[in-house]
Amino acid sequence: MTIDLFSYLPDFYQEIQEMCAVMEGENDAFAEAADLLPQLLPESMVLKANASRISEWETLLLIVPQGTLEQRRMMIVAKLRGQGKVNGMRIKQIVESFTGD
């Protein structure tokens, strides 16, 4: 993937040597990042992350790892949504909020 940051700047910048040097370096950095993005993107999403990334999320959110990898992912998602662990009491609260009984 070729990235030309100059295409986003006004033409008069092309005459400034320092700006050319900076943009060439930035173009290289963006190209390197673009090559790594398909590899890193799935790891940034909880539902697609591997076991080591899930462990990092659990450490960050102070979750004790338990269950299968899929269950661990769901626990992280619940914690991020502010719902906590879904158990009998939580289900009862949800039903009561909808039925009022």
PDB file of N, CA and C in Angstrom:
ATOM      1  N   MET A   1       0.851  -1.184   0.000  1.00  0.00           N
ATOM      2  CA  MET A   1       0.000   0.000   0.000  1.00  0.00           C
ATOM      3  C   MET A   1       0.891   1.239   0.000  1.00  0.00           C
ATOM      4  N   THR A   2       0.717   2.064  -0.986  1.00  0.00           N
ATOM      5  CA  THR A   2       1.501   3.282  -1.085  1.00  0.00           C
ATOM      6  C   THR A   2       0.718   4.442  -0.466  1.00  0.00           C
ATOM      7  N   ILE A   3       1.368   5.130   0.442  1.00  0.00           N
ATOM      8  CA  ILE A   3       0.739   6.260   1.107  1.00  0.00           C
ATOM      9  C   ILE A   3       1.536   7.502   0.777  1.00  0.00           C
ATOM     10  N   ASP A   4       0.867   8.513   0.271  1.00  0.00           N
ATOM     11  CA  ASP A   4       1.525   9.773  -0.046  1.00  0.00           C
ATOM     12  C   ASP A   4       0.855  10.876   0.763  1.00  0.00           C
ATOM     13  N   LEU A   5       1.468  11.200   1.885  1.00  0.00           N
ATOM     14  CA  LEU A   5       0.885  12.214   2.763  1.00  0.00           C
ATOM     15  C   LEU A   5       0.880  13.598   2.132  1.00  0.00           C
ATOM     16  N   PHE A   6       1.747  13.811   1.146  1.00  0.00           N
ATOM     17  CA  PHE A   6       1.761  15.111   0.471  1.00  0.00           C
ATOM     18  C   PHE A   6       0.426  15.398  -0.210  1.00  0.00           C
ATOM     19  N   SER A   7      -0.276  14.364  -0.595  1.00  0.00           N
ATOM     20  CA  SER A   7      -1.552  14.584  -1.274  1.00  0.00           C
ATOM     21  C   SER A   7      -2.582  15.239  -0.353  1.00  0.00           C
ATOM     22  N   TYR A   8      -2.328  15.214   0.957  1.00  0.00           N
ATOM     23  CA  TYR A   8      -3.238  15.832   1.912  1.00  0.00           C
ATOM     24  C   TYR A   8      -2.831  17.256   2.288  1.00  0.00           C
ATOM     25  N   LEU A   9      -1.692  17.708   1.792  1.00  0.00           N
ATOM     26  CA  LEU A   9      -1.176  19.025   2.151  1.00  0.00           C
ATOM     27  C   LEU A   9      -1.218  19.979   0.961  1.00  0.00           C
ATOM     28  N   PRO A  10      -1.228  21.268   1.236  1.00  0.00           N
ATOM     29  CA  PRO A  10      -1.150  22.240   0.137  1.00  0.00           C
ATOM     30  C   PRO A  10       0.157  22.084  -0.643  1.00  0.00           C
ATOM     31  N   ASP A  11       0.142  22.431  -1.922  1.00  0.00           N
ATOM     32  CA  ASP A  11       1.289  22.235  -2.811  1.00  0.00           C
ATOM     33  C   ASP A  11       2.556  22.970  -2.363  1.00  0.00           C
ATOM     34  N   PHE A  12       2.424  24.110  -1.702  1.00  0.00           N
ATOM     35  CA  PHE A  12       3.615  24.894  -1.361  1.00  0.00           C
ATOM     36  C   PHE A  12       4.527  24.171  -0.376  1.00  0.00           C
ATOM     37  N   TYR A  13       4.032  23.162   0.343  1.00  0.00           N
ATOM     38  CA  TYR A  13       4.874  22.393   1.250  1.00  0.00           C
ATOM     39  C   TYR A  13       5.926  21.573   0.501  1.00  0.00           C
ATOM     40  N   GLN A  14       5.671  21.224  -0.750  1.00  0.00           N
ATOM     41  CA  GLN A  14       6.590  20.397  -1.516  1.00  0.00           C
ATOM     42  C   GLN A  14       7.914  21.105  -1.798  1.00  0.00           C
ATOM     43  N   GLU A  15       7.950  22.423  -1.657  1.00  0.00           N
ATOM     44  CA  GLU A  15       9.166  23.186  -1.900  1.00  0.00           C
ATOM     45  C   GLU A  15      10.044  23.300  -0.654  1.00  0.00           C
ATOM     46  N   ILE A  16       9.556  22.876   0.482  1.00  0.00           N
ATOM     47  CA  ILE A  16      10.302  22.978   1.737  1.00  0.00           C
ATOM     48  C   ILE A  16      11.023  21.657   1.987  1.00  0.00           C
ATOM     49  N   GLN A  17      12.371  21.703   1.992  1.00  0.00           N
ATOM     50  CA  GLN A  17      13.169  20.483   2.120  1.00  0.00           C
ATOM     51  C   GLN A  17      12.898  19.735   3.425  1.00  0.00           C
ATOM     52  N   GLU A  18      12.803  20.474   4.519  1.00  0.00           N
ATOM     53  CA  GLU A  18      12.551  19.827   5.809  1.00  0.00           C
ATOM     54  C   GLU A  18      11.207  19.099   5.803  1.00  0.00           C
ATOM     55  N   MET A  19      10.224  19.710   5.177  1.00  0.00           N
ATOM     56  CA  MET A  19       8.904  19.090   5.110  1.00  0.00           C
ATOM     57  C   MET A  19       8.947  17.829   4.246  1.00  0.00           C
ATOM     58  N   CYS A  20       9.721  17.858   3.172  1.00  0.00           N
ATOM     59  CA  CYS A  20       9.874  16.670   2.324  1.00  0.00           C
ATOM     60  C   CYS A  20      10.498  15.529   3.108  1.00  0.00           C
ATOM     61  N   ALA A  21      11.528  15.839   3.894  1.00  0.00           N
ATOM     62  CA  ALA A  21      12.197  14.809   4.692  1.00  0.00           C
ATOM     63  C   ALA A  21      11.241  14.216   5.728  1.00  0.00           C
ATOM     64  N   VAL A  22      10.478  15.076   6.385  1.00  0.00           N
ATOM     65  CA  VAL A  22       9.524  14.609   7.392  1.00  0.00           C
ATOM     66  C   VAL A  22       8.454  13.732   6.741  1.00  0.00           C
ATOM     67  N   MET A  23       7.922  14.186   5.626  1.00  0.00           N
ATOM     68  CA  MET A  23       6.853  13.443   4.958  1.00  0.00           C
ATOM     69  C   MET A  23       7.330  12.098   4.412  1.00  0.00           C
ATOM     70  N   GLU A  24       8.564  12.037   3.940  1.00  0.00           N
ATOM     71  CA  GLU A  24       9.097  10.758   3.460  1.00  0.00           C
ATOM     72  C   GLU A  24       9.191   9.756   4.608  1.00  0.00           C
ATOM     73  N   GLY A  25       9.668  10.226   5.754  1.00  0.00           N
ATOM     74  CA  GLY A  25       9.734   9.357   6.934  1.00  0.00           C
ATOM     75  C   GLY A  25       8.361   8.924   7.400  1.00  0.00           C
ATOM     76  N   GLU A  26       7.424   9.852   7.382  1.00  0.00           N
ATOM     77  CA  GLU A  26       6.053   9.536   7.790  1.00  0.00           C
ATOM     78  C   GLU A  26       5.390   8.575   6.804  1.00  0.00           C
ATOM     79  N   ASN A  27       5.659   8.754   5.512  1.00  0.00           N
ATOM     80  CA  ASN A  27       5.114   7.830   4.515  1.00  0.00           C
ATOM     81  C   ASN A  27       5.578   6.407   4.794  1.00  0.00           C
ATOM     82  N   ASP A  28       6.874   6.254   5.126  1.00  0.00           N
ATOM     83  CA  ASP A  28       7.411   4.927   5.439  1.00  0.00           C
ATOM     84  C   ASP A  28       6.750   4.352   6.682  1.00  0.00           C
ATOM     85  N   ALA A  29       6.571   5.174   7.704  1.00  0.00           N
ATOM     86  CA  ALA A  29       5.947   4.707   8.946  1.00  0.00           C
ATOM     87  C   ALA A  29       4.498   4.297   8.705  1.00  0.00           C
ATOM     88  N   PHE A  30       3.772   5.080   7.918  1.00  0.00           N
ATOM     89  CA  PHE A  30       2.382   4.742   7.610  1.00  0.00           C
ATOM     90  C   PHE A  30       2.296   3.458   6.789  1.00  0.00           C
ATOM     91  N   ALA A  31       3.213   3.267   5.869  1.00  0.00           N
ATOM     92  CA  ALA A  31       3.218   2.044   5.058  1.00  0.00           C
ATOM     93  C   ALA A  31       3.470   0.828   5.944  1.00  0.00           C
ATOM     94  N   GLU A  32       4.397   0.954   6.887  1.00  0.00           N
ATOM     95  CA  GLU A  32       4.681  -0.151   7.807  1.00  0.00           C
ATOM     96  C   GLU A  32       3.466  -0.449   8.686  1.00  0.00           C
ATOM     97  N   ALA A  33       2.828   0.598   9.179  1.00  0.00           N
ATOM     98  CA  ALA A  33       1.630   0.421  10.011  1.00  0.00           C
ATOM     99  C   ALA A  33       0.500  -0.214   9.209  1.00  0.00           C
ATOM    100  N   ALA A  34       0.352   0.193   7.966  1.00  0.00           N
ATOM    101  CA  ALA A  34      -0.705  -0.363   7.121  1.00  0.00           C
ATOM    102  C   ALA A  34      -0.490  -1.852   6.879  1.00  0.00           C
ATOM    103  N   ASP A  35       0.765  -2.281   6.789  1.00  0.00           N
ATOM    104  CA  ASP A  35       1.061  -3.700   6.608  1.00  0.00           C
ATOM    105  C   ASP A  35       0.720  -4.506   7.864  1.00  0.00           C
ATOM    106  N   LEU A  36       0.893  -3.911   9.043  1.00  0.00           N
ATOM    107  CA  LEU A  36       0.627  -4.608  10.298  1.00  0.00           C
ATOM    108  C   LEU A  36      -0.840  -4.571  10.718  1.00  0.00           C
ATOM    109  N   LEU A  37      -1.604  -3.646  10.189  1.00  0.00           N
ATOM    110  CA  LEU A  37      -2.989  -3.456  10.619  1.00  0.00           C
ATOM    111  C   LEU A  37      -3.846  -4.709  10.487  1.00  0.00           C
ATOM    112  N   PRO A  38      -3.821  -5.425   9.364  1.00  0.00           N
ATOM    113  CA  PRO A  38      -4.660  -6.637   9.283  1.00  0.00           C
ATOM    114  C   PRO A  38      -4.316  -7.680  10.344  1.00  0.00           C
ATOM    115  N   GLN A  39      -3.084  -7.701  10.772  1.00  0.00           N
ATOM    116  CA  GLN A  39      -2.659  -8.638  11.810  1.00  0.00           C
ATOM    117  C   GLN A  39      -3.114  -8.180  13.191  1.00  0.00           C
ATOM    118  N   LEU A  40      -3.084  -6.885  13.448  1.00  0.00           N
ATOM    119  CA  LEU A  40      -3.392  -6.356  14.771  1.00  0.00           C
ATOM    120  C   LEU A  40      -4.873  -6.099  15.008  1.00  0.00           C
ATOM    121  N   LEU A  41      -5.622  -5.835  13.963  1.00  0.00           N
ATOM    122  CA  LEU A  41      -7.020  -5.463  14.110  1.00  0.00           C
ATOM    123  C   LEU A  41      -7.845  -6.509  14.849  1.00  0.00           C
ATOM    124  N   PRO A  42      -7.771  -7.794  14.490  1.00  0.00           N
ATOM    125  CA  PRO A  42      -8.569  -8.773  15.242  1.00  0.00           C
ATOM    126  C   PRO A  42      -8.214  -8.831  16.721  1.00  0.00           C
ATOM    127  N   GLU A  43      -6.959  -8.588  17.060  1.00  0.00           N
ATOM    128  CA  GLU A  43      -6.533  -8.634  18.453  1.00  0.00           C
ATOM    129  C   GLU A  43      -7.070  -7.464  19.270  1.00  0.00           C
ATOM    130  N   SER A  44      -7.520  -6.424  18.605  1.00  0.00           N
ATOM    131  CA  SER A  44      -8.049  -5.275  19.336  1.00  0.00           C
ATOM    132  C   SER A  44      -9.527  -5.442  19.672  1.00  0.00           C
ATOM    133  N   MET A  45     -10.165  -6.478  19.121  1.00  0.00           N
ATOM    134  CA  MET A  45     -11.575  -6.734  19.389  1.00  0.00           C
ATOM    135  C   MET A  45     -11.700  -7.917  20.338  1.00  0.00           C
ATOM    136  N   VAL A  46     -12.413  -7.732  21.423  1.00  0.00           N
ATOM    137  CA  VAL A  46     -12.531  -8.760  22.450  1.00  0.00           C
ATOM    138  C   VAL A  46     -13.078 -10.059  21.865  1.00  0.00           C
ATOM    139  N   LEU A  47     -14.072  -9.978  21.020  1.00  0.00           N
ATOM    140  CA  LEU A  47     -14.726 -11.188  20.517  1.00  0.00           C
ATOM    141  C   LEU A  47     -13.865 -11.989  19.542  1.00  0.00           C
ATOM    142  N   LYS A  48     -12.766 -11.409  19.066  1.00  0.00           N
ATOM    143  CA  LYS A  48     -11.878 -12.115  18.146  1.00  0.00           C
ATOM    144  C   LYS A  48     -10.482 -12.331  18.718  1.00  0.00           C
ATOM    145  N   ALA A  49     -10.237 -11.826  19.902  1.00  0.00           N
ATOM    146  CA  ALA A  49      -8.893 -11.879  20.492  1.00  0.00           C
ATOM    147  C   ALA A  49      -8.505 -13.297  20.891  1.00  0.00           C
ATOM    148  N   ASN A  50      -7.196 -13.560  20.880  1.00  0.00           N
ATOM    149  CA  ASN A  50      -6.706 -14.873  21.283  1.00  0.00           C
ATOM    150  C   ASN A  50      -6.605 -14.946  22.810  1.00  0.00           C
ATOM    151  N   ALA A  51      -6.210 -16.113  23.316  1.00  0.00           N
ATOM    152  CA  ALA A  51      -6.183 -16.354  24.763  1.00  0.00           C
ATOM    153  C   ALA A  51      -5.250 -15.396  25.503  1.00  0.00           C
ATOM    154  N   SER A  52      -4.089 -15.093  24.919  1.00  0.00           N
ATOM    155  CA  SER A  52      -3.164 -14.196  25.625  1.00  0.00           C
ATOM    156  C   SER A  52      -3.721 -12.779  25.723  1.00  0.00           C
ATOM    157  N   ARG A  53      -4.388 -12.314  24.678  1.00  0.00           N
ATOM    158  CA  ARG A  53      -4.997 -10.978  24.718  1.00  0.00           C
ATOM    159  C   ARG A  53      -6.166 -10.959  25.703  1.00  0.00           C
ATOM    160  N   ILE A  54      -6.926 -12.049  25.763  1.00  0.00           N
ATOM    161  CA  ILE A  54      -8.026 -12.133  26.724  1.00  0.00           C
ATOM    162  C   ILE A  54      -7.478 -12.078  28.150  1.00  0.00           C
ATOM    163  N   SER A  55      -6.356 -12.729  28.387  1.00  0.00           N
ATOM    164  CA  SER A  55      -5.718 -12.673  29.712  1.00  0.00           C
ATOM    165  C   SER A  55      -5.334 -11.244  30.075  1.00  0.00           C
ATOM    166  N   GLU A  56      -4.847 -10.503  29.107  1.00  0.00           N
ATOM    167  CA  GLU A  56      -4.499  -9.099  29.360  1.00  0.00           C
ATOM    168  C   GLU A  56      -5.740  -8.290  29.723  1.00  0.00           C
ATOM    169  N   TRP A  57      -6.845  -8.525  28.996  1.00  0.00           N
ATOM    170  CA  TRP A  57      -8.107  -7.835  29.308  1.00  0.00           C
ATOM    171  C   TRP A  57      -8.559  -8.181  30.721  1.00  0.00           C
ATOM    172  N   GLU A  58      -8.486  -9.471  31.073  1.00  0.00           N
ATOM    173  CA  GLU A  58      -8.923  -9.904  32.399  1.00  0.00           C
ATOM    174  C   GLU A  58      -8.085  -9.247  33.488  1.00  0.00           C
ATOM    175  N   THR A  59      -6.792  -9.163  33.284  1.00  0.00           N
ATOM    176  CA  THR A  59      -5.919  -8.504  34.256  1.00  0.00           C
ATOM    177  C   THR A  59      -6.294  -7.033  34.398  1.00  0.00           C
ATOM    178  N   LEU A  60      -6.519  -6.388  33.279  1.00  0.00           N
ATOM    179  CA  LEU A  60      -6.871  -4.973  33.288  1.00  0.00           C
ATOM    180  C   LEU A  60      -8.196  -4.714  34.001  1.00  0.00           C
ATOM    181  N   LEU A  61      -9.169  -5.596  33.791  1.00  0.00           N
ATOM    182  CA  LEU A  61     -10.504  -5.408  34.354  1.00  0.00           C
ATOM    183  C   LEU A  61     -10.698  -6.126  35.694  1.00  0.00           C
ATOM    184  N   LEU A  62      -9.615  -6.712  36.223  1.00  0.00           N
ATOM    185  CA  LEU A  62      -9.652  -7.420  37.510  1.00  0.00           C
ATOM    186  C   LEU A  62     -10.671  -8.554  37.502  1.00  0.00           C
ATOM    187  N   ILE A  63     -10.661  -9.334  36.446  1.00  0.00           N
ATOM    188  CA  ILE A  63     -11.554 -10.478  36.308  1.00  0.00           C
ATOM    189  C   ILE A  63     -10.750 -11.740  36.566  1.00  0.00           C
ATOM    190  N   VAL A  64     -11.294 -12.637  37.375  1.00  0.00           N
ATOM    191  CA  VAL A  64     -10.652 -13.932  37.627  1.00  0.00           C
ATOM    192  C   VAL A  64     -10.999 -14.851  36.458  1.00  0.00           C
ATOM    193  N   PRO A  65      -9.995 -15.339  35.722  1.00  0.00           N
ATOM    194  CA  PRO A  65     -10.276 -16.182  34.559  1.00  0.00           C
ATOM    195  C   PRO A  65     -10.962 -17.491  34.950  1.00  0.00           C
ATOM    196  N   GLN A  66     -12.077 -17.778  34.288  1.00  0.00           N
ATOM    197  CA  GLN A  66     -12.768 -19.041  34.502  1.00  0.00           C
ATOM    198  C   GLN A  66     -13.628 -19.360  33.295  1.00  0.00           C
ATOM    199  N   GLY A  67     -13.755 -20.635  32.997  1.00  0.00           N
ATOM    200  CA  GLY A  67     -14.568 -21.069  31.875  1.00  0.00           C
ATOM    201  C   GLY A  67     -13.765 -21.177  30.588  1.00  0.00           C
ATOM    202  N   THR A  68     -14.491 -21.418  29.508  1.00  0.00           N
ATOM    203  CA  THR A  68     -13.866 -21.531  28.197  1.00  0.00           C
ATOM    204  C   THR A  68     -13.441 -20.162  27.697  1.00  0.00           C
ATOM    205  N   LEU A  69     -12.702 -20.154  26.624  1.00  0.00           N
ATOM    206  CA  LEU A  69     -12.263 -18.887  26.047  1.00  0.00           C
ATOM    207  C   LEU A  69     -13.464 -18.034  25.657  1.00  0.00           C
ATOM    208  N   GLU A  70     -14.472 -18.667  25.077  1.00  0.00           N
ATOM    209  CA  GLU A  70     -15.680 -17.921  24.680  1.00  0.00           C
ATOM    210  C   GLU A  70     -16.392 -17.331  25.900  1.00  0.00           C
ATOM    211  N   GLN A  71     -16.477 -18.091  26.998  1.00  0.00           N
ATOM    212  CA  GLN A  71     -17.100 -17.590  28.221  1.00  0.00           C
ATOM    213  C   GLN A  71     -16.294 -16.436  28.809  1.00  0.00           C
ATOM    214  N   ARG A  72     -14.991 -16.548  28.729  1.00  0.00           N
ATOM    215  CA  ARG A  72     -14.125 -15.468  29.217  1.00  0.00           C
ATOM    216  C   ARG A  72     -14.327 -14.200  28.394  1.00  0.00           C
ATOM    217  N   ARG A  73     -14.481 -14.360  27.081  1.00  0.00           N
ATOM    218  CA  ARG A  73     -14.757 -13.197  26.218  1.00  0.00           C
ATOM    219  C   ARG A  73     -16.070 -12.538  26.621  1.00  0.00           C
ATOM    220  N   MET A  74     -17.097 -13.352  26.844  1.00  0.00           N
ATOM    221  CA  MET A  74     -18.414 -12.811  27.213  1.00  0.00           C
ATOM    222  C   MET A  74     -18.361 -12.084  28.555  1.00  0.00           C
ATOM    223  N   MET A  75     -17.552 -12.591  29.478  1.00  0.00           N
ATOM    224  CA  MET A  75     -17.407 -11.933  30.774  1.00  0.00           C
ATOM    225  C   MET A  75     -16.765 -10.556  30.608  1.00  0.00           C
ATOM    226  N   ILE A  76     -15.783 -10.464  29.739  1.00  0.00           N
ATOM    227  CA  ILE A  76     -15.134  -9.174  29.477  1.00  0.00           C
ATOM    228  C   ILE A  76     -16.121  -8.203  28.849  1.00  0.00           C
ATOM    229  N   VAL A  77     -16.884  -8.678  27.876  1.00  0.00           N
ATOM    230  CA  VAL A  77     -17.875  -7.823  27.224  1.00  0.00           C
ATOM    231  C   VAL A  77     -18.893  -7.335  28.247  1.00  0.00           C
ATOM    232  N   ALA A  78     -19.357  -8.226  29.116  1.00  0.00           N
ATOM    233  CA  ALA A  78     -20.322  -7.837  30.145  1.00  0.00           C
ATOM    234  C   ALA A  78     -19.732  -6.789  31.078  1.00  0.00           C
ATOM    235  N   LYS A  79     -18.476  -6.991  31.458  1.00  0.00           N
ATOM    236  CA  LYS A  79     -17.821  -6.031  32.363  1.00  0.00           C
ATOM    237  C   LYS A  79     -17.674  -4.665  31.681  1.00  0.00           C
ATOM    238  N   LEU A  80     -17.313  -4.669  30.393  1.00  0.00           N
ATOM    239  CA  LEU A  80     -17.156  -3.406  29.665  1.00  0.00           C
ATOM    240  C   LEU A  80     -18.490  -2.678  29.508  1.00  0.00           C
ATOM    241  N   ARG A  81     -19.554  -3.435  29.380  1.00  0.00           N
ATOM    242  CA  ARG A  81     -20.894  -2.828  29.265  1.00  0.00           C
ATOM    243  C   ARG A  81     -21.444  -2.407  30.610  1.00  0.00           C
ATOM    244  N   GLY A  82     -20.767  -2.798  31.683  1.00  0.00           N
ATOM    245  CA  GLY A  82     -21.226  -2.432  33.019  1.00  0.00           C
ATOM    246  C   GLY A  82     -22.309  -3.342  33.539  1.00  0.00           C
ATOM    247  N   GLN A  83     -22.462  -4.526  32.955  1.00  0.00           N
ATOM    248  CA  GLN A  83     -23.527  -5.426  33.367  1.00  0.00           C
ATOM    249  C   GLN A  83     -23.081  -6.399  34.444  1.00  0.00           C
ATOM    250  N   GLY A  84     -21.816  -6.702  34.494  1.00  0.00           N
ATOM    251  CA  GLY A  84     -21.340  -7.680  35.445  1.00  0.00           C
ATOM    252  C   GLY A  84     -21.727  -9.092  35.048  1.00  0.00           C
ATOM    253  N   LYS A  85     -21.519 -10.022  35.958  1.00  0.00           N
ATOM    254  CA  LYS A  85     -21.809 -11.433  35.686  1.00  0.00           C
ATOM    255  C   LYS A  85     -23.306 -11.655  35.662  1.00  0.00           C
ATOM    256  N   VAL A  86     -23.767 -12.412  34.685  1.00  0.00           N
ATOM    257  CA  VAL A  86     -25.191 -12.723  34.585  1.00  0.00           C
ATOM    258  C   VAL A  86     -25.459 -13.988  35.381  1.00  0.00           C
ATOM    259  N   ASN A  87     -26.246 -13.845  36.453  1.00  0.00           N
ATOM    260  CA  ASN A  87     -26.625 -14.987  37.274  1.00  0.00           C
ATOM    261  C   ASN A  87     -28.130 -14.903  37.536  1.00  0.00           C
ATOM    262  N   GLY A  88     -28.636 -15.777  38.390  1.00  0.00           N
ATOM    263  CA  GLY A  88     -30.072 -15.809  38.666  1.00  0.00           C
ATOM    264  C   GLY A  88     -30.606 -14.484  39.177  1.00  0.00           C
ATOM    265  N   MET A  89     -29.878 -13.871  40.073  1.00  0.00           N
ATOM    266  CA  MET A  89     -30.321 -12.589  40.642  1.00  0.00           C
ATOM    267  C   MET A  89     -30.374 -11.512  39.571  1.00  0.00           C
ATOM    268  N   ARG A  90     -29.382 -11.484  38.704  1.00  0.00           N
ATOM    269  CA  ARG A  90     -29.351 -10.480  37.634  1.00  0.00           C
ATOM    270  C   ARG A  90     -30.512 -10.686  36.666  1.00  0.00           C
ATOM    271  N   ILE A  91     -30.805 -11.934  36.325  1.00  0.00           N
ATOM    272  CA  ILE A  91     -31.932 -12.214  35.424  1.00  0.00           C
ATOM    273  C   ILE A  91     -33.236 -11.774  36.071  1.00  0.00           C
ATOM    274  N   LYS A  92     -33.384 -12.040  37.370  1.00  0.00           N
ATOM    275  CA  LYS A  92     -34.587 -11.619  38.091  1.00  0.00           C
ATOM    276  C   LYS A  92     -34.743 -10.097  38.052  1.00  0.00           C
ATOM    277  N   GLN A  93     -33.637  -9.367  38.235  1.00  0.00           N
ATOM    278  CA  GLN A  93     -33.682  -7.903  38.186  1.00  0.00           C
ATOM    279  C   GLN A  93     -34.100  -7.410  36.803  1.00  0.00           C
ATOM    280  N   ILE A  94     -33.599  -8.053  35.770  1.00  0.00           N
ATOM    281  CA  ILE A  94     -33.953  -7.654  34.400  1.00  0.00           C
ATOM    282  C   ILE A  94     -35.437  -7.880  34.158  1.00  0.00           C
ATOM    283  N   VAL A  95     -35.938  -9.049  34.569  1.00  0.00           N
ATOM    284  CA  VAL A  95     -37.357  -9.362  34.378  1.00  0.00           C
ATOM    285  C   VAL A  95     -38.211  -8.375  35.149  1.00  0.00           C
ATOM    286  N   GLU A  96     -37.832  -8.077  36.379  1.00  0.00           N
ATOM    287  CA  GLU A  96     -38.598  -7.130  37.201  1.00  0.00           C
ATOM    288  C   GLU A  96     -38.604  -5.731  36.589  1.00  0.00           C
ATOM    289  N   SER A  97     -37.493  -5.347  35.955  1.00  0.00           N
ATOM    290  CA  SER A  97     -37.451  -4.011  35.350  1.00  0.00           C
ATOM    291  C   SER A  97     -38.409  -3.907  34.160  1.00  0.00           C
ATOM    292  N   PHE A  98     -38.638  -5.020  33.472  1.00  0.00           N
ATOM    293  CA  PHE A  98     -39.558  -5.000  32.332  1.00  0.00           C
ATOM    294  C   PHE A  98     -41.006  -5.225  32.744  1.00  0.00           C
ATOM    295  N   THR A  99     -41.236  -6.061  33.739  1.00  0.00           N
ATOM    296  CA  THR A  99     -42.605  -6.401  34.129  1.00  0.00           C
ATOM    297  C   THR A  99     -43.124  -5.569  35.288  1.00  0.00           C
ATOM    298  N   GLY A 100     -42.212  -5.026  36.067  1.00  0.00           N
ATOM    299  CA  GLY A 100     -42.607  -4.237  37.225  1.00  0.00           C
ATOM    300  C   GLY A 100     -43.106  -5.108  38.356  1.00  0.00           C
ATOM    301  N   ASP A 101     -42.870  -6.389  38.272  1.00  0.00           N
ATOM    302  CA  ASP A 101     -43.346  -7.319  39.295  1.00  0.00           C
ATOM    303  C   ASP A 101     -42.225  -8.202  39.780  1.00  0.00           C
TER     304      ASP A 101
END
